[in-house]
PDB file of N, CA and C in Angstrom:
ATOM      1  N   MET A   1     -18.697   1.748  28.861  1.00  0.00           N
ATOM      2  CA  MET A   1     -17.492   2.548  28.951  1.00  0.00           C
ATOM      3  C   MET A   1     -16.618   2.248  27.734  1.00  0.00           C
ATOM      4  N   ALA A   2     -16.205   3.265  27.052  1.00  0.00           N
ATOM      5  CA  ALA A   2     -15.421   3.102  25.823  1.00  0.00           C
ATOM      6  C   ALA A   2     -13.970   2.768  26.150  1.00  0.00           C
ATOM      7  N   ARG A   3     -13.373   2.018  25.257  1.00  0.00           N
ATOM      8  CA  ARG A   3     -11.962   1.671  25.397  1.00  0.00           C
ATOM      9  C   ARG A   3     -11.130   2.846  24.891  1.00  0.00           C
ATOM     10  N   ASN A   4     -10.156   3.263  25.667  1.00  0.00           N
ATOM     11  CA  ASN A   4      -9.341   4.415  25.303  1.00  0.00           C
ATOM     12  C   ASN A   4      -8.198   4.073  24.368  1.00  0.00           C
ATOM     13  N   ARG A   5      -7.752   2.846  24.389  1.00  0.00           N
ATOM     14  CA  ARG A   5      -6.635   2.488  23.523  1.00  0.00           C
ATOM     15  C   ARG A   5      -7.022   1.285  22.675  1.00  0.00           C
ATOM     16  N   GLY A   6      -6.482   1.242  21.486  1.00  0.00           N
ATOM     17  CA  GLY A   6      -6.778   0.139  20.597  1.00  0.00           C
ATOM     18  C   GLY A   6      -5.938  -1.079  20.925  1.00  0.00           C
ATOM     19  N   ILE A   7      -6.337  -2.185  20.394  1.00  0.00           N
ATOM     20  CA  ILE A   7      -5.593  -3.419  20.603  1.00  0.00           C
ATOM     21  C   ILE A   7      -4.341  -3.424  19.734  1.00  0.00           C
ATOM     22  N   MET A   8      -4.472  -2.938  18.508  1.00  0.00           N
ATOM     23  CA  MET A   8      -3.323  -2.877  17.596  1.00  0.00           C
ATOM     24  C   MET A   8      -2.779  -1.462  17.566  1.00  0.00           C
ATOM     25  N   SER A   9      -1.467  -1.364  17.517  1.00  0.00           N
ATOM     26  CA  SER A   9      -0.864  -0.035  17.405  1.00  0.00           C
ATOM     27  C   SER A   9      -1.112   0.517  16.002  1.00  0.00           C
ATOM     28  N   ASP A  10      -1.059   1.826  15.890  1.00  0.00           N
ATOM     29  CA  ASP A  10      -1.218   2.455  14.577  1.00  0.00           C
ATOM     30  C   ASP A  10      -0.106   2.013  13.636  1.00  0.00           C
ATOM     31  N   LYS A  11       1.083   1.813  14.190  1.00  0.00           N
ATOM     32  CA  LYS A  11       2.223   1.376  13.377  1.00  0.00           C
ATOM     33  C   LYS A  11       1.945   0.005  12.755  1.00  0.00           C
ATOM     34  N   LEU A  12       1.406  -0.921  13.540  1.00  0.00           N
ATOM     35  CA  LEU A  12       1.089  -2.252  13.022  1.00  0.00           C
ATOM     36  C   LEU A  12      -0.014  -2.176  11.973  1.00  0.00           C
ATOM     37  N   LYS A  13      -1.044  -1.363  12.233  1.00  0.00           N
ATOM     38  CA  LYS A  13      -2.128  -1.218  11.252  1.00  0.00           C
ATOM     39  C   LYS A  13      -1.601  -0.679   9.927  1.00  0.00           C
ATOM     40  N   GLU A  14      -0.726   0.311  10.005  1.00  0.00           N
ATOM     41  CA  GLU A  14      -0.162   0.886   8.779  1.00  0.00           C
ATOM     42  C   GLU A  14       0.723  -0.121   8.055  1.00  0.00           C
ATOM     43  N   GLU A  15       1.483  -0.909   8.812  1.00  0.00           N
ATOM     44  CA  GLU A  15       2.339  -1.935   8.201  1.00  0.00           C
ATOM     45  C   GLU A  15       1.496  -2.968   7.457  1.00  0.00           C
ATOM     46  N   ILE A  16       0.423  -3.416   8.076  1.00  0.00           N
ATOM     47  CA  ILE A  16      -0.461  -4.398   7.440  1.00  0.00           C
ATOM     48  C   ILE A  16      -1.145  -3.779   6.227  1.00  0.00           C
ATOM     49  N   ALA A  17      -1.575  -2.534   6.344  1.00  0.00           N
ATOM     50  CA  ALA A  17      -2.212  -1.851   5.212  1.00  0.00           C
ATOM     51  C   ALA A  17      -1.247  -1.760   4.031  1.00  0.00           C
ATOM     52  N   ARG A  18       0.018  -1.495   4.309  1.00  0.00           N
ATOM     53  CA  ARG A  18       1.023  -1.450   3.233  1.00  0.00           C
ATOM     54  C   ARG A  18       1.164  -2.821   2.579  1.00  0.00           C
ATOM     55  N   GLU A  19       1.253  -3.870   3.404  1.00  0.00           N
ATOM     56  CA  GLU A  19       1.393  -5.233   2.875  1.00  0.00           C
ATOM     57  C   GLU A  19       0.225  -5.604   1.970  1.00  0.00           C
ATOM     58  N   LEU A  20      -0.964  -5.168   2.335  1.00  0.00           N
ATOM     59  CA  LEU A  20      -2.160  -5.532   1.575  1.00  0.00           C
ATOM     60  C   LEU A  20      -2.485  -4.540   0.464  1.00  0.00           C
ATOM     61  N   GLY A  21      -1.707  -3.476   0.369  1.00  0.00           N
ATOM     62  CA  GLY A  21      -1.891  -2.520  -0.717  1.00  0.00           C
ATOM     63  C   GLY A  21      -3.018  -1.524  -0.527  1.00  0.00           C
ATOM     64  N   VAL A  22      -3.437  -1.298   0.707  1.00  0.00           N
ATOM     65  CA  VAL A  22      -4.514  -0.337   0.947  1.00  0.00           C
ATOM     66  C   VAL A  22      -4.030   0.914   1.680  1.00  0.00           C
ATOM     67  N   TYR A  23      -2.740   1.047   1.871  1.00  0.00           N
ATOM     68  CA  TYR A  23      -2.223   2.194   2.619  1.00  0.00           C
ATOM     69  C   TYR A  23      -2.493   3.512   1.911  1.00  0.00           C
ATOM     70  N   ASP A  24      -2.475   3.516   0.585  1.00  0.00           N
ATOM     71  CA  ASP A  24      -2.757   4.754  -0.150  1.00  0.00           C
ATOM     72  C   ASP A  24      -4.155   5.282   0.171  1.00  0.00           C
ATOM     73  N   VAL A  25      -5.115   4.379   0.295  1.00  0.00           N
ATOM     74  CA  VAL A  25      -6.481   4.787   0.652  1.00  0.00           C
ATOM     75  C   VAL A  25      -6.474   5.411   2.048  1.00  0.00           C
ATOM     76  N   VAL A  26      -5.783   4.753   2.977  1.00  0.00           N
ATOM     77  CA  VAL A  26      -5.712   5.258   4.350  1.00  0.00           C
ATOM     78  C   VAL A  26      -5.055   6.629   4.376  1.00  0.00           C
ATOM     79  N   LYS A  27      -3.952   6.758   3.674  1.00  0.00           N
ATOM     80  CA  LYS A  27      -3.187   8.003   3.684  1.00  0.00           C
ATOM     81  C   LYS A  27      -3.978   9.145   3.055  1.00  0.00           C
ATOM     82  N   ASN A  28      -4.644   8.870   1.951  1.00  0.00           N
ATOM     83  CA  ASN A  28      -5.341   9.925   1.210  1.00  0.00           C
ATOM     84  C   ASN A  28      -6.742  10.233   1.732  1.00  0.00           C
ATOM     85  N   ARG A  29      -7.469   9.206   2.181  1.00  0.00           N
ATOM     86  CA  ARG A  29      -8.870   9.416   2.550  1.00  0.00           C
ATOM     87  C   ARG A  29      -9.212   9.004   3.972  1.00  0.00           C
ATOM     88  N   GLY A  30      -8.328   8.309   4.651  1.00  0.00           N
ATOM     89  CA  GLY A  30      -8.569   7.899   6.036  1.00  0.00           C
ATOM     90  C   GLY A  30      -9.089   6.472   6.146  1.00  0.00           C
ATOM     91  N   TRP A  31      -9.117   5.995   7.385  1.00  0.00           N
ATOM     92  CA  TRP A  31      -9.542   4.614   7.641  1.00  0.00           C
ATOM     93  C   TRP A  31     -11.005   4.385   7.287  1.00  0.00           C
ATOM     94  N   GLY A  32     -11.811   5.411   7.318  1.00  0.00           N
ATOM     95  CA  GLY A  32     -13.238   5.272   7.029  1.00  0.00           C
ATOM     96  C   GLY A  32     -13.545   4.858   5.606  1.00  0.00           C
ATOM     97  N   ASP A  33     -12.610   5.064   4.695  1.00  0.00           N
ATOM     98  CA  ASP A  33     -12.824   4.695   3.296  1.00  0.00           C
ATOM     99  C   ASP A  33     -12.246   3.334   2.929  1.00  0.00           C
ATOM    100  N   VAL A  34     -11.668   2.636   3.887  1.00  0.00           N
ATOM    101  CA  VAL A  34     -11.167   1.286   3.623  1.00  0.00           C
ATOM    102  C   VAL A  34     -12.376   0.357   3.594  1.00  0.00           C
ATOM    103  N   THR A  35     -12.454  -0.497   2.575  1.00  0.00           N
ATOM    104  CA  THR A  35     -13.617  -1.380   2.440  1.00  0.00           C
ATOM    105  C   THR A  35     -13.659  -2.398   3.573  1.00  0.00           C
ATOM    106  N   SER A  36     -14.856  -2.906   3.843  1.00  0.00           N
ATOM    107  CA  SER A  36     -14.999  -3.912   4.897  1.00  0.00           C
ATOM    108  C   SER A  36     -14.230  -5.177   4.540  1.00  0.00           C
ATOM    109  N   ARG A  37     -14.142  -5.494   3.264  1.00  0.00           N
ATOM    110  CA  ARG A  37     -13.360  -6.656   2.841  1.00  0.00           C
ATOM    111  C   ARG A  37     -11.887  -6.459   3.189  1.00  0.00           C
ATOM    112  N   ASP A  38     -11.359  -5.271   2.885  1.00  0.00           N
ATOM    113  CA  ASP A  38      -9.962  -4.990   3.203  1.00  0.00           C
ATOM    114  C   ASP A  38      -9.734  -4.975   4.713  1.00  0.00           C
ATOM    115  N   CYS A  39     -10.693  -4.449   5.461  1.00  0.00           N
ATOM    116  CA  CYS A  39     -10.580  -4.472   6.926  1.00  0.00           C
ATOM    117  C   CYS A  39     -10.558  -5.910   7.438  1.00  0.00           C
ATOM    118  N   GLY A  40     -11.397  -6.749   6.865  1.00  0.00           N
ATOM    119  CA  GLY A  40     -11.402  -8.164   7.236  1.00  0.00           C
ATOM    120  C   GLY A  40     -10.084  -8.832   6.919  1.00  0.00           C
ATOM    121  N   ASN A  41      -9.518  -8.497   5.763  1.00  0.00           N
ATOM    122  CA  ASN A  41      -8.209  -9.045   5.404  1.00  0.00           C
ATOM    123  C   ASN A  41      -7.133  -8.560   6.369  1.00  0.00           C
ATOM    124  N   MET A  42      -7.254  -7.316   6.817  1.00  0.00           N
ATOM    125  CA  MET A  42      -6.293  -6.784   7.784  1.00  0.00           C
ATOM    126  C   MET A  42      -6.400  -7.520   9.118  1.00  0.00           C
ATOM    127  N   VAL A  43      -7.622  -7.809   9.546  1.00  0.00           N
ATOM    128  CA  VAL A  43      -7.825  -8.547  10.793  1.00  0.00           C
ATOM    129  C   VAL A  43      -7.240  -9.949  10.669  1.00  0.00           C
ATOM    130  N   ALA A  44      -7.487 -10.607   9.546  1.00  0.00           N
ATOM    131  CA  ALA A  44      -6.940 -11.948   9.336  1.00  0.00           C
ATOM    132  C   ALA A  44      -5.417 -11.923   9.390  1.00  0.00           C
ATOM    133  N   LYS A  45      -4.815 -10.928   8.772  1.00  0.00           N
ATOM    134  CA  LYS A  45      -3.359 -10.791   8.783  1.00  0.00           C
ATOM    135  C   LYS A  45      -2.855 -10.534  10.201  1.00  0.00           C
ATOM    136  N   ALA A  46      -3.550  -9.689  10.960  1.00  0.00           N
ATOM    137  CA  ALA A  46      -3.160  -9.399  12.343  1.00  0.00           C
ATOM    138  C   ALA A  46      -3.235 -10.659  13.206  1.00  0.00           C
ATOM    139  N   ILE A  47      -4.264 -11.466  12.997  1.00  0.00           N
ATOM    140  CA  ILE A  47      -4.398 -12.728  13.732  1.00  0.00           C
ATOM    141  C   ILE A  47      -3.253 -13.658  13.376  1.00  0.00           C
ATOM    142  N   GLU A  48      -2.921 -13.733  12.099  1.00  0.00           N
ATOM    143  CA  GLU A  48      -1.808 -14.565  11.643  1.00  0.00           C
ATOM    144  C   GLU A  48      -0.499 -14.134  12.320  1.00  0.00           C
ATOM    145  N   ILE A  49      -0.252 -12.836  12.377  1.00  0.00           N
ATOM    146  CA  ILE A  49       0.959 -12.309  13.015  1.00  0.00           C
ATOM    147  C   ILE A  49       0.956 -12.653  14.508  1.00  0.00           C
ATOM    148  N   ALA A  50      -0.184 -12.488  15.170  1.00  0.00           N
ATOM    149  CA  ALA A  50      -0.289 -12.784  16.598  1.00  0.00           C
ATOM    150  C   ALA A  50      -0.061 -14.268  16.869  1.00  0.00           C
ATOM    151  N   GLU A  51      -0.627 -15.129  16.034  1.00  0.00           N
ATOM    152  CA  GLU A  51      -0.442 -16.569  16.219  1.00  0.00           C
ATOM    153  C   GLU A  51       1.013 -16.962  16.034  1.00  0.00           C
ATOM    154  N   ARG A  52       1.674 -16.369  15.035  1.00  0.00           N
ATOM    155  CA  ARG A  52       3.103 -16.643  14.837  1.00  0.00           C
ATOM    156  C   ARG A  52       3.906 -16.197  16.055  1.00  0.00           C
ATOM    157  N   SER A  53       3.548 -15.053  16.592  1.00  0.00           N
ATOM    158  CA  SER A  53       4.238 -14.518  17.764  1.00  0.00           C
ATOM    159  C   SER A  53       4.065 -15.443  18.970  1.00  0.00           C
ATOM    160  N   ILE A  54       2.860 -15.935  19.168  1.00  0.00           N
ATOM    161  CA  ILE A  54       2.587 -16.843  20.285  1.00  0.00           C
ATOM    162  C   ILE A  54       3.359 -18.142  20.109  1.00  0.00           C
ATOM    163  N   ASN A  55       3.402 -18.667  18.899  1.00  0.00           N
ATOM    164  CA  ASN A  55       4.105 -19.920  18.646  1.00  0.00           C
ATOM    165  C   ASN A  55       5.607 -19.785  18.835  1.00  0.00           C
ATOM    166  N   LYS A  56       6.163 -18.598  18.599  1.00  0.00           N
ATOM    167  CA  LYS A  56       7.592 -18.377  18.833  1.00  0.00           C
ATOM    168  C   LYS A  56       7.919 -18.461  20.317  1.00  0.00           C
ATOM    169  N   VAL A  57       7.000 -17.991  21.152  1.00  0.00           N
ATOM    170  CA  VAL A  57       7.222 -17.957  22.594  1.00  0.00           C
ATOM    171  C   VAL A  57       7.194 -19.356  23.187  1.00  0.00           C
ATOM    172  N   LYS A  58       6.403 -20.231  22.636  1.00  0.00           N
ATOM    173  CA  LYS A  58       6.254 -21.599  23.173  1.00  0.00           C
ATOM    174  C   LYS A  58       7.518 -22.387  23.080  1.00  0.00           C
TER     175      LYS A  58
END
């Protein structure tokens, strides 16, 4: 059964893409043209943000 909603919001993905300098690719050609390296960097950044968020709550 497929998941209907993503874990990250589109807003967060776009924010991270802007920070990493790949938003132009997303805007002009879509997420399918983002390199796997850039996607990996986006995941690492998302994990970093999530860990910071968890540590703030503690």
